[in-house]
């Protein structure tokens, strides 16, 4: 089961974030297509899974690639929702300090 489907994670994420799912696994990224700019900017290598958190202006404030355990998912929620990225700068440092 995906960590994002765990009740404790779902409750926290749905309270703080608006989620969107996209599967880019078979997408051909055409350099001439301006519609692909967002994909190239946030997931240029089409890695899966990847979570990207944007602030209200569309600026990326956090990113996580790969498998995520419940404990780290909840910590990532705190990191973004409580705006720790403004103080610590990176999730790995925030996680280490916890």
PDB file of N, CA and C in Angstrom:
ATOM      1  N   UNK A   1       0.847  -1.193   0.000  1.00  0.00           N
ATOM      2  CA  UNK A   1       0.000   0.000   0.000  1.00  0.00           C
ATOM      3  C   UNK A   1       0.886   1.249   0.000  1.00  0.00           C
ATOM      4  N   UNK A   2       0.549   2.192  -0.795  1.00  0.00           N
ATOM      5  CA  UNK A   2       1.278   3.452  -0.852  1.00  0.00           C
ATOM      6  C   UNK A   2       1.170   4.190   0.473  1.00  0.00           C
ATOM      7  N   UNK A   3       2.258   4.794   0.881  1.00  0.00           N
ATOM      8  CA  UNK A   3       2.253   5.544   2.136  1.00  0.00           C
ATOM      9  C   UNK A   3       1.230   6.678   2.094  1.00  0.00           C
ATOM     10  N   UNK A   4       0.957   7.206   0.917  1.00  0.00           N
ATOM     11  CA  UNK A   4      -0.013   8.294   0.806  1.00  0.00           C
ATOM     12  C   UNK A   4      -1.446   7.830   1.033  1.00  0.00           C
ATOM     13  N   UNK A   5      -1.659   6.520   1.052  1.00  0.00           N
ATOM     14  CA  UNK A   5      -2.992   5.980   1.328  1.00  0.00           C
ATOM     15  C   UNK A   5      -3.167   5.589   2.789  1.00  0.00           C
ATOM     16  N   UNK A   6      -2.122   5.700   3.578  1.00  0.00           N
ATOM     17  CA  UNK A   6      -2.222   5.405   5.014  1.00  0.00           C
ATOM     18  C   UNK A   6      -3.089   6.488   5.654  1.00  0.00           C
ATOM     19  N   UNK A   7      -4.038   6.109   6.511  1.00  0.00           N
ATOM     20  CA  UNK A   7      -4.976   7.087   7.084  1.00  0.00           C
ATOM     21  C   UNK A   7      -4.313   8.279   7.770  1.00  0.00           C
ATOM     22  N   UNK A   8      -3.251   8.037   8.533  1.00  0.00           N
ATOM     23  CA  UNK A   8      -2.607   9.146   9.245  1.00  0.00           C
ATOM     24  C   UNK A   8      -1.912  10.114   8.290  1.00  0.00           C
ATOM     25  N   UNK A   9      -1.381   9.594   7.203  1.00  0.00           N
ATOM     26  CA  UNK A   9      -0.727  10.449   6.203  1.00  0.00           C
ATOM     27  C   UNK A   9      -1.790  11.180   5.389  1.00  0.00           C
ATOM     28  N   UNK A  10      -2.810  10.466   4.943  1.00  0.00           N
ATOM     29  CA  UNK A  10      -3.896  11.064   4.169  1.00  0.00           C
ATOM     30  C   UNK A  10      -4.551  12.210   4.932  1.00  0.00           C
ATOM     31  N   UNK A  11      -4.793  12.010   6.214  1.00  0.00           N
ATOM     32  CA  UNK A  11      -5.437  13.046   7.036  1.00  0.00           C
ATOM     33  C   UNK A  11      -4.595  14.313   7.085  1.00  0.00           C
ATOM     34  N   UNK A  12      -3.302  14.158   7.311  1.00  0.00           N
ATOM     35  CA  UNK A  12      -2.430  15.327   7.420  1.00  0.00           C
ATOM     36  C   UNK A  12      -2.242  16.019   6.076  1.00  0.00           C
ATOM     37  N   UNK A  13      -1.986  15.234   5.029  1.00  0.00           N
ATOM     38  CA  UNK A  13      -1.737  15.825   3.716  1.00  0.00           C
ATOM     39  C   UNK A  13      -2.987  16.507   3.170  1.00  0.00           C
ATOM     40  N   UNK A  14      -4.153  15.907   3.361  1.00  0.00           N
ATOM     41  CA  UNK A  14      -5.370  16.530   2.837  1.00  0.00           C
ATOM     42  C   UNK A  14      -5.730  17.790   3.612  1.00  0.00           C
ATOM     43  N   UNK A  15      -5.269  17.892   4.842  1.00  0.00           N
ATOM     44  CA  UNK A  15      -5.509  19.099   5.637  1.00  0.00           C
ATOM     45  C   UNK A  15      -4.634  20.260   5.156  1.00  0.00           C
ATOM     46  N   UNK A  16      -3.397  19.957   4.749  1.00  0.00           N
ATOM     47  CA  UNK A  16      -2.431  21.012   4.439  1.00  0.00           C
ATOM     48  C   UNK A  16      -2.177  21.257   2.956  1.00  0.00           C
ATOM     49  N   UNK A  17      -2.484  20.266   2.117  1.00  0.00           N
ATOM     50  CA  UNK A  17      -2.064  20.368   0.722  1.00  0.00           C
ATOM     51  C   UNK A  17      -3.184  20.033  -0.254  1.00  0.00           C
ATOM     52  N   UNK A  18      -3.046  20.563  -1.439  1.00  0.00           N
ATOM     53  CA  UNK A  18      -3.892  20.193  -2.570  1.00  0.00           C
ATOM     54  C   UNK A  18      -3.013  19.307  -3.436  1.00  0.00           C
ATOM     55  N   UNK A  19      -3.426  18.079  -3.645  1.00  0.00           N
ATOM     56  CA  UNK A  19      -2.591  17.127  -4.366  1.00  0.00           C
ATOM     57  C   UNK A  19      -3.014  16.953  -5.806  1.00  0.00           C
ATOM     58  N   UNK A  20      -2.050  16.607  -6.606  1.00  0.00           N
ATOM     59  CA  UNK A  20      -2.298  16.280  -8.001  1.00  0.00           C
ATOM     60  C   UNK A  20      -1.409  15.102  -8.352  1.00  0.00           C
ATOM     61  N   UNK A  21      -1.931  14.176  -9.129  1.00  0.00           N
ATOM     62  CA  UNK A  21      -1.170  13.005  -9.538  1.00  0.00           C
ATOM     63  C   UNK A  21      -0.943  13.075 -11.035  1.00  0.00           C
ATOM     64  N   UNK A  22       0.263  12.785 -11.432  1.00  0.00           N
ATOM     65  CA  UNK A  22       0.568  12.737 -12.860  1.00  0.00           C
ATOM     66  C   UNK A  22       1.543  11.601 -13.107  1.00  0.00           C
ATOM     67  N   UNK A  23       1.333  10.855 -14.162  1.00  0.00           N
ATOM     68  CA  UNK A  23       2.224   9.764 -14.532  1.00  0.00           C
ATOM     69  C   UNK A  23       2.920  10.164 -15.824  1.00  0.00           C
ATOM     70  N   UNK A  24       4.207  10.453 -15.705  1.00  0.00           N
ATOM     71  CA  UNK A  24       4.982  10.903 -16.851  1.00  0.00           C
ATOM     72  C   UNK A  24       5.853   9.796 -17.429  1.00  0.00           C
ATOM     73  N   UNK A  25       5.605   8.560 -17.035  1.00  0.00           N
ATOM     74  CA  UNK A  25       6.503   7.466 -17.406  1.00  0.00           C
ATOM     75  C   UNK A  25       6.647   7.275 -18.915  1.00  0.00           C
ATOM     76  N   UNK A  26       5.620   7.556 -19.682  1.00  0.00           N
ATOM     77  CA  UNK A  26       5.708   7.355 -21.125  1.00  0.00           C
ATOM     78  C   UNK A  26       5.651   8.664 -21.906  1.00  0.00           C
ATOM     79  N   UNK A  27       5.774   9.770 -21.216  1.00  0.00           N
ATOM     80  CA  UNK A  27       5.693  11.074 -21.861  1.00  0.00           C
ATOM     81  C   UNK A  27       6.985  11.398 -22.597  1.00  0.00           C
ATOM     82  N   UNK A  28       6.858  11.748 -23.847  1.00  0.00           N
ATOM     83  CA  UNK A  28       7.993  12.222 -24.625  1.00  0.00           C
ATOM     84  C   UNK A  28       8.116  13.720 -24.372  1.00  0.00           C
ATOM     85  N   UNK A  29       9.254  14.150 -23.866  1.00  0.00           N
ATOM     86  CA  UNK A  29       9.449  15.567 -23.574  1.00  0.00           C
ATOM     87  C   UNK A  29      10.042  16.261 -24.797  1.00  0.00           C
ATOM     88  N   UNK A  30       9.198  16.997 -25.480  1.00  0.00           N
ATOM     89  CA  UNK A  30       9.601  17.722 -26.686  1.00  0.00           C
ATOM     90  C   UNK A  30      10.077  19.108 -26.283  1.00  0.00           C
ATOM     91  N   UNK A  31      11.327  19.422 -26.579  1.00  0.00           N
ATOM     92  CA  UNK A  31      11.897  20.715 -26.213  1.00  0.00           C
ATOM     93  C   UNK A  31      11.138  21.899 -26.825  1.00  0.00           C
ATOM     94  N   UNK A  32      10.430  21.684 -27.912  1.00  0.00           N
ATOM     95  CA  UNK A  32       9.718  22.762 -28.589  1.00  0.00           C
ATOM     96  C   UNK A  32       8.317  22.981 -28.032  1.00  0.00           C
ATOM     97  N   UNK A  33       7.864  22.097 -27.146  1.00  0.00           N
ATOM     98  CA  UNK A  33       6.507  22.193 -26.599  1.00  0.00           C
ATOM     99  C   UNK A  33       6.537  22.929 -25.265  1.00  0.00           C
ATOM    100  N   UNK A  34       6.007  24.171 -25.201  1.00  0.00           N
ATOM    101  CA  UNK A  34       6.033  24.924 -23.947  1.00  0.00           C
ATOM    102  C   UNK A  34       5.212  24.267 -22.833  1.00  0.00           C
ATOM    103  N   UNK A  35       4.301  23.385 -23.184  1.00  0.00           N
ATOM    104  CA  UNK A  35       3.502  22.685 -22.181  1.00  0.00           C
ATOM    105  C   UNK A  35       4.304  21.708 -21.346  1.00  0.00           C
ATOM    106  N   UNK A  36       5.483  21.345 -21.809  1.00  0.00           N
ATOM    107  CA  UNK A  36       6.321  20.407 -21.075  1.00  0.00           C
ATOM    108  C   UNK A  36       7.277  21.104 -20.099  1.00  0.00           C
ATOM    109  N   UNK A  37       7.231  22.411 -20.036  1.00  0.00           N
ATOM    110  CA  UNK A  37       8.145  23.159 -19.163  1.00  0.00           C
ATOM    111  C   UNK A  37       7.990  22.758 -17.701  1.00  0.00           C
ATOM    112  N   UNK A  38       6.753  22.579 -17.234  1.00  0.00           N
ATOM    113  CA  UNK A  38       6.537  22.199 -15.838  1.00  0.00           C
ATOM    114  C   UNK A  38       7.126  20.822 -15.560  1.00  0.00           C
ATOM    115  N   UNK A  39       6.930  19.884 -16.457  1.00  0.00           N
ATOM    116  CA  UNK A  39       7.478  18.538 -16.277  1.00  0.00           C
ATOM    117  C   UNK A  39       8.995  18.597 -16.226  1.00  0.00           C
ATOM    118  N   UNK A  40       9.577  19.310 -17.146  1.00  0.00           N
ATOM    119  CA  UNK A  40      11.032  19.426 -17.187  1.00  0.00           C
ATOM    120  C   UNK A  40      11.579  20.090 -15.932  1.00  0.00           C
ATOM    121  N   UNK A  41      10.872  21.076 -15.429  1.00  0.00           N
ATOM    122  CA  UNK A  41      11.341  21.809 -14.254  1.00  0.00           C
ATOM    123  C   UNK A  41      11.237  20.979 -12.992  1.00  0.00           C
ATOM    124  N   UNK A  42      10.141  20.247 -12.804  1.00  0.00           N
ATOM    125  CA  UNK A  42       9.907  19.552 -11.545  1.00  0.00           C
ATOM    126  C   UNK A  42      10.278  18.072 -11.547  1.00  0.00           C
ATOM    127  N   UNK A  43      10.422  17.462 -12.706  1.00  0.00           N
ATOM    128  CA  UNK A  43      10.786  16.050 -12.761  1.00  0.00           C
ATOM    129  C   UNK A  43      11.461  15.767 -14.102  1.00  0.00           C
ATOM    130  N   UNK A  44      12.622  16.375 -14.339  1.00  0.00           N
ATOM    131  CA  UNK A  44      13.246  16.303 -15.661  1.00  0.00           C
ATOM    132  C   UNK A  44      13.626  14.898 -16.111  1.00  0.00           C
ATOM    133  N   UNK A  45      13.901  14.009 -15.192  1.00  0.00           N
ATOM    134  CA  UNK A  45      14.305  12.656 -15.565  1.00  0.00           C
ATOM    135  C   UNK A  45      13.153  11.663 -15.503  1.00  0.00           C
ATOM    136  N   UNK A  46      11.948  12.169 -15.272  1.00  0.00           N
ATOM    137  CA  UNK A  46      10.740  11.355 -15.185  1.00  0.00           C
ATOM    138  C   UNK A  46      10.894  10.248 -14.136  1.00  0.00           C
ATOM    139  N   UNK A  47      11.531  10.580 -13.020  1.00  0.00           N
ATOM    140  CA  UNK A  47      11.703   9.615 -11.941  1.00  0.00           C
ATOM    141  C   UNK A  47      10.383   9.395 -11.225  1.00  0.00           C
ATOM    142  N   UNK A  48      10.174   8.166 -10.753  1.00  0.00           N
ATOM    143  CA  UNK A  48       8.953   7.884 -10.021  1.00  0.00           C
ATOM    144  C   UNK A  48       9.310   7.137  -8.767  1.00  0.00           C
ATOM    145  N   UNK A  49       8.643   7.266  -7.694  1.00  0.00           N
ATOM    146  CA  UNK A  49       7.720   8.383  -7.435  1.00  0.00           C
ATOM    147  C   UNK A  49       8.494   9.630  -7.023  1.00  0.00           C
ATOM    148  N   UNK A  50       7.875  10.754  -7.210  1.00  0.00           N
ATOM    149  CA  UNK A  50       8.447  12.023  -6.775  1.00  0.00           C
ATOM    150  C   UNK A  50       7.315  12.880  -6.217  1.00  0.00           C
ATOM    151  N   UNK A  51       7.556  13.476  -5.067  1.00  0.00           N
ATOM    152  CA  UNK A  51       6.611  14.433  -4.481  1.00  0.00           C
ATOM    153  C   UNK A  51       7.254  15.806  -4.584  1.00  0.00           C
ATOM    154  N   UNK A  52       6.528  16.746  -5.131  1.00  0.00           N
ATOM    155  CA  UNK A  52       7.012  18.115  -5.250  1.00  0.00           C
ATOM    156  C   UNK A  52       6.018  19.011  -4.535  1.00  0.00           C
ATOM    157  N   UNK A  53       6.515  19.850  -3.641  1.00  0.00           N
ATOM    158  CA  UNK A  53       5.675  20.779  -2.897  1.00  0.00           C
ATOM    159  C   UNK A  53       5.964  22.189  -3.388  1.00  0.00           C
ATOM    160  N   UNK A  54       4.895  22.896  -3.750  1.00  0.00           N
ATOM    161  CA  UNK A  54       5.004  24.267  -4.235  1.00  0.00           C
ATOM    162  C   UNK A  54       4.328  25.194  -3.248  1.00  0.00           C
ATOM    163  N   UNK A  55       4.867  26.414  -3.126  1.00  0.00           N
ATOM    164  CA  UNK A  55       4.189  27.397  -2.287  1.00  0.00           C
ATOM    165  C   UNK A  55       3.078  28.063  -3.091  1.00  0.00           C
ATOM    166  N   UNK A  56       2.431  29.050  -2.522  1.00  0.00           N
ATOM    167  CA  UNK A  56       1.304  29.715  -3.170  1.00  0.00           C
ATOM    168  C   UNK A  56       1.652  30.452  -4.446  1.00  0.00           C
ATOM    169  N   UNK A  57       2.944  30.721  -4.661  1.00  0.00           N
ATOM    170  CA  UNK A  57       3.361  31.413  -5.876  1.00  0.00           C
ATOM    171  C   UNK A  57       3.865  30.458  -6.951  1.00  0.00           C
ATOM    172  N   UNK A  58       3.864  29.149  -6.629  1.00  0.00           N
ATOM    173  CA  UNK A  58       4.346  28.159  -7.581  1.00  0.00           C
ATOM    174  C   UNK A  58       5.819  27.840  -7.441  1.00  0.00           C
ATOM    175  N   UNK A  59       6.483  28.417  -6.448  1.00  0.00           N
ATOM    176  CA  UNK A  59       7.903  28.147  -6.209  1.00  0.00           C
ATOM    177  C   UNK A  59       8.046  26.809  -5.484  1.00  0.00           C
ATOM    178  N   UNK A  60       8.955  25.979  -5.958  1.00  0.00           N
ATOM    179  CA  UNK A  60       9.204  24.692  -5.312  1.00  0.00           C
ATOM    180  C   UNK A  60       9.875  24.914  -3.960  1.00  0.00           C
ATOM    181  N   UNK A  61       9.298  24.301  -2.914  1.00  0.00           N
ATOM    182  CA  UNK A  61       9.867  24.451  -1.567  1.00  0.00           C
ATOM    183  C   UNK A  61      10.389  23.130  -1.013  1.00  0.00           C
ATOM    184  N   UNK A  62       9.974  22.014  -1.578  1.00  0.00           N
ATOM    185  CA  UNK A  62      10.467  20.708  -1.132  1.00  0.00           C
ATOM    186  C   UNK A  62      10.228  19.676  -2.218  1.00  0.00           C
ATOM    187  N   UNK A  63      11.073  18.647  -2.180  1.00  0.00           N
ATOM    188  CA  UNK A  63      10.971  17.555  -3.144  1.00  0.00           C
ATOM    189  C   UNK A  63      11.441  16.283  -2.452  1.00  0.00           C
ATOM    190  N   UNK A  64      10.754  15.199  -2.736  1.00  0.00           N
ATOM    191  CA  UNK A  64      11.194  13.895  -2.241  1.00  0.00           C
ATOM    192  C   UNK A  64      11.078  12.897  -3.366  1.00  0.00           C
ATOM    193  N   UNK A  65      12.172  12.177  -3.619  1.00  0.00           N
ATOM    194  CA  UNK A  65      12.185  11.137  -4.653  1.00  0.00           C
ATOM    195  C   UNK A  65      12.299   9.778  -3.987  1.00  0.00           C
ATOM    196  N   UNK A  66      11.597   8.819  -4.524  1.00  0.00           N
ATOM    197  CA  UNK A  66      11.724   7.451  -4.064  1.00  0.00           C
ATOM    198  C   UNK A  66      10.733   7.087  -2.978  1.00  0.00           C
ATOM    199  N   UNK A  67      10.980   5.915  -2.404  1.00  0.00           N
ATOM    200  CA  UNK A  67      10.092   5.373  -1.382  1.00  0.00           C
ATOM    201  C   UNK A  67      10.055   6.272  -0.152  1.00  0.00           C
ATOM    202  N   UNK A  68       8.898   6.328   0.472  1.00  0.00           N
ATOM    203  CA  UNK A  68       8.693   7.172   1.639  1.00  0.00           C
ATOM    204  C   UNK A  68       7.980   6.355   2.708  1.00  0.00           C
ATOM    205  N   UNK A  69       8.562   6.303   3.888  1.00  0.00           N
ATOM    206  CA  UNK A  69       7.933   5.621   5.019  1.00  0.00           C
ATOM    207  C   UNK A  69       6.984   6.581   5.728  1.00  0.00           C
ATOM    208  N   UNK A  70       6.046   6.048   6.516  1.00  0.00           N
ATOM    209  CA  UNK A  70       5.049   6.872   7.200  1.00  0.00           C
ATOM    210  C   UNK A  70       5.709   7.949   8.061  1.00  0.00           C
ATOM    211  N   UNK A  71       6.704   7.576   8.841  1.00  0.00           N
ATOM    212  CA  UNK A  71       7.365   8.548   9.728  1.00  0.00           C
ATOM    213  C   UNK A  71       7.940   9.723   8.941  1.00  0.00           C
ATOM    214  N   UNK A  72       8.612   9.432   7.836  1.00  0.00           N
ATOM    215  CA  UNK A  72       9.179  10.504   7.013  1.00  0.00           C
ATOM    216  C   UNK A  72       8.093  11.299   6.287  1.00  0.00           C
ATOM    217  N   UNK A  73       7.009  10.636   5.890  1.00  0.00           N
ATOM    218  CA  UNK A  73       5.905  11.346   5.237  1.00  0.00           C
ATOM    219  C   UNK A  73       5.301  12.370   6.189  1.00  0.00           C
ATOM    220  N   UNK A  74       5.130  11.996   7.454  1.00  0.00           N
ATOM    221  CA  UNK A  74       4.575  12.917   8.450  1.00  0.00           C
ATOM    222  C   UNK A  74       5.565  14.033   8.763  1.00  0.00           C
ATOM    223  N   UNK A  75       6.836  13.710   8.779  1.00  0.00           N
ATOM    224  CA  UNK A  75       7.859  14.728   9.008  1.00  0.00           C
ATOM    225  C   UNK A  75       7.930  15.691   7.826  1.00  0.00           C
ATOM    226  N   UNK A  76       7.784  15.168   6.628  1.00  0.00           N
ATOM    227  CA  UNK A  76       7.764  16.014   5.432  1.00  0.00           C
ATOM    228  C   UNK A  76       6.568  16.956   5.458  1.00  0.00           C
ATOM    229  N   UNK A  77       5.438  16.465   5.946  1.00  0.00           N
ATOM    230  CA  UNK A  77       4.256  17.309   6.133  1.00  0.00           C
ATOM    231  C   UNK A  77       4.591  18.483   7.051  1.00  0.00           C
ATOM    232  N   UNK A  78       5.207  18.207   8.175  1.00  0.00           N
ATOM    233  CA  UNK A  78       5.591  19.278   9.118  1.00  0.00           C
ATOM    234  C   UNK A  78       6.575  20.247   8.472  1.00  0.00           C
ATOM    235  N   UNK A  79       7.563  19.711   7.790  1.00  0.00           N
ATOM    236  CA  UNK A  79       8.597  20.525   7.152  1.00  0.00           C
ATOM    237  C   UNK A  79       7.984  21.563   6.210  1.00  0.00           C
ATOM    238  N   UNK A  80       6.999  21.128   5.420  1.00  0.00           N
ATOM    239  CA  UNK A  80       6.389  22.044   4.452  1.00  0.00           C
ATOM    240  C   UNK A  80       5.287  22.881   5.101  1.00  0.00           C
ATOM    241  N   UNK A  81       4.356  22.259   5.805  1.00  0.00           N
ATOM    242  CA  UNK A  81       3.210  22.975   6.366  1.00  0.00           C
ATOM    243  C   UNK A  81       3.620  24.033   7.379  1.00  0.00           C
ATOM    244  N   UNK A  82       4.669  23.738   8.154  1.00  0.00           N
ATOM    245  CA  UNK A  82       5.143  24.695   9.165  1.00  0.00           C
ATOM    246  C   UNK A  82       6.257  25.597   8.627  1.00  0.00           C
ATOM    247  N   UNK A  83       6.533  25.507   7.339  1.00  0.00           N
ATOM    248  CA  UNK A  83       7.505  26.340   6.620  1.00  0.00           C
ATOM    249  C   UNK A  83       8.923  26.259   7.195  1.00  0.00           C
ATOM    250  N   UNK A  84       9.312  25.081   7.617  1.00  0.00           N
ATOM    251  CA  UNK A  84      10.680  24.888   8.106  1.00  0.00           C
ATOM    252  C   UNK A  84      11.700  25.060   6.983  1.00  0.00           C
ATOM    253  N   UNK A  85      11.280  24.920   5.736  1.00  0.00           N
ATOM    254  CA  UNK A  85      12.179  25.114   4.607  1.00  0.00           C
ATOM    255  C   UNK A  85      12.743  26.530   4.576  1.00  0.00           C
ATOM    256  N   UNK A  86      12.056  27.473   5.198  1.00  0.00           N
ATOM    257  CA  UNK A  86      12.566  28.844   5.259  1.00  0.00           C
ATOM    258  C   UNK A  86      13.726  28.972   6.244  1.00  0.00           C
ATOM    259  N   UNK A  87      13.760  28.075   7.241  1.00  0.00           N
ATOM    260  CA  UNK A  87      14.785  28.140   8.289  1.00  0.00           C
ATOM    261  C   UNK A  87      15.930  27.163   8.045  1.00  0.00           C
ATOM    262  N   UNK A  88      15.593  25.919   7.749  1.00  0.00           N
ATOM    263  CA  UNK A  88      16.625  24.894   7.644  1.00  0.00           C
ATOM    264  C   UNK A  88      17.116  24.690   6.221  1.00  0.00           C
ATOM    265  N   UNK A  89      16.318  25.054   5.252  1.00  0.00           N
ATOM    266  CA  UNK A  89      16.750  24.993   3.870  1.00  0.00           C
ATOM    267  C   UNK A  89      16.614  23.647   3.184  1.00  0.00           C
ATOM    268  N   UNK A  90      16.746  22.546   3.917  1.00  0.00           N
ATOM    269  CA  UNK A  90      16.624  21.264   3.231  1.00  0.00           C
ATOM    270  C   UNK A  90      16.057  20.207   4.155  1.00  0.00           C
ATOM    271  N   UNK A  91      15.236  19.337   3.579  1.00  0.00           N
ATOM    272  CA  UNK A  91      14.504  18.353   4.367  1.00  0.00           C
ATOM    273  C   UNK A  91      15.444  17.385   5.077  1.00  0.00           C
ATOM    274  N   UNK A  92      16.544  17.000   4.431  1.00  0.00           N
ATOM    275  CA  UNK A  92      17.483  16.063   5.049  1.00  0.00           C
ATOM    276  C   UNK A  92      18.034  16.639   6.354  1.00  0.00           C
ATOM    277  N   UNK A  93      18.371  17.917   6.357  1.00  0.00           N
ATOM    278  CA  UNK A  93      18.885  18.561   7.577  1.00  0.00           C
ATOM    279  C   UNK A  93      17.780  18.640   8.639  1.00  0.00           C
ATOM    280  N   UNK A  94      16.568  18.949   8.214  1.00  0.00           N
ATOM    281  CA  UNK A  94      15.448  19.012   9.146  1.00  0.00           C
ATOM    282  C   UNK A  94      15.189  17.639   9.759  1.00  0.00           C
ATOM    283  N   UNK A  95      15.192  16.608   8.945  1.00  0.00           N
ATOM    284  CA  UNK A  95      14.962  15.242   9.426  1.00  0.00           C
ATOM    285  C   UNK A  95      16.051  14.832  10.409  1.00  0.00           C
ATOM    286  N   UNK A  96      17.280  15.154  10.106  1.00  0.00           N
ATOM    287  CA  UNK A  96      18.417  14.802  10.982  1.00  0.00           C
ATOM    288  C   UNK A  96      18.300  15.497  12.333  1.00  0.00           C
ATOM    289  N   UNK A  97      17.784  16.721  12.343  1.00  0.00           N
ATOM    290  CA  UNK A  97      17.668  17.492  13.587  1.00  0.00           C
ATOM    291  C   UNK A  97      16.522  17.013  14.467  1.00  0.00           C
ATOM    292  N   UNK A  98      15.608  16.240  13.907  1.00  0.00           N
ATOM    293  CA  UNK A  98      14.446  15.804  14.684  1.00  0.00           C
ATOM    294  C   UNK A  98      14.766  14.660  15.586  1.00  0.00           C
TER     295      UNK A  98
END
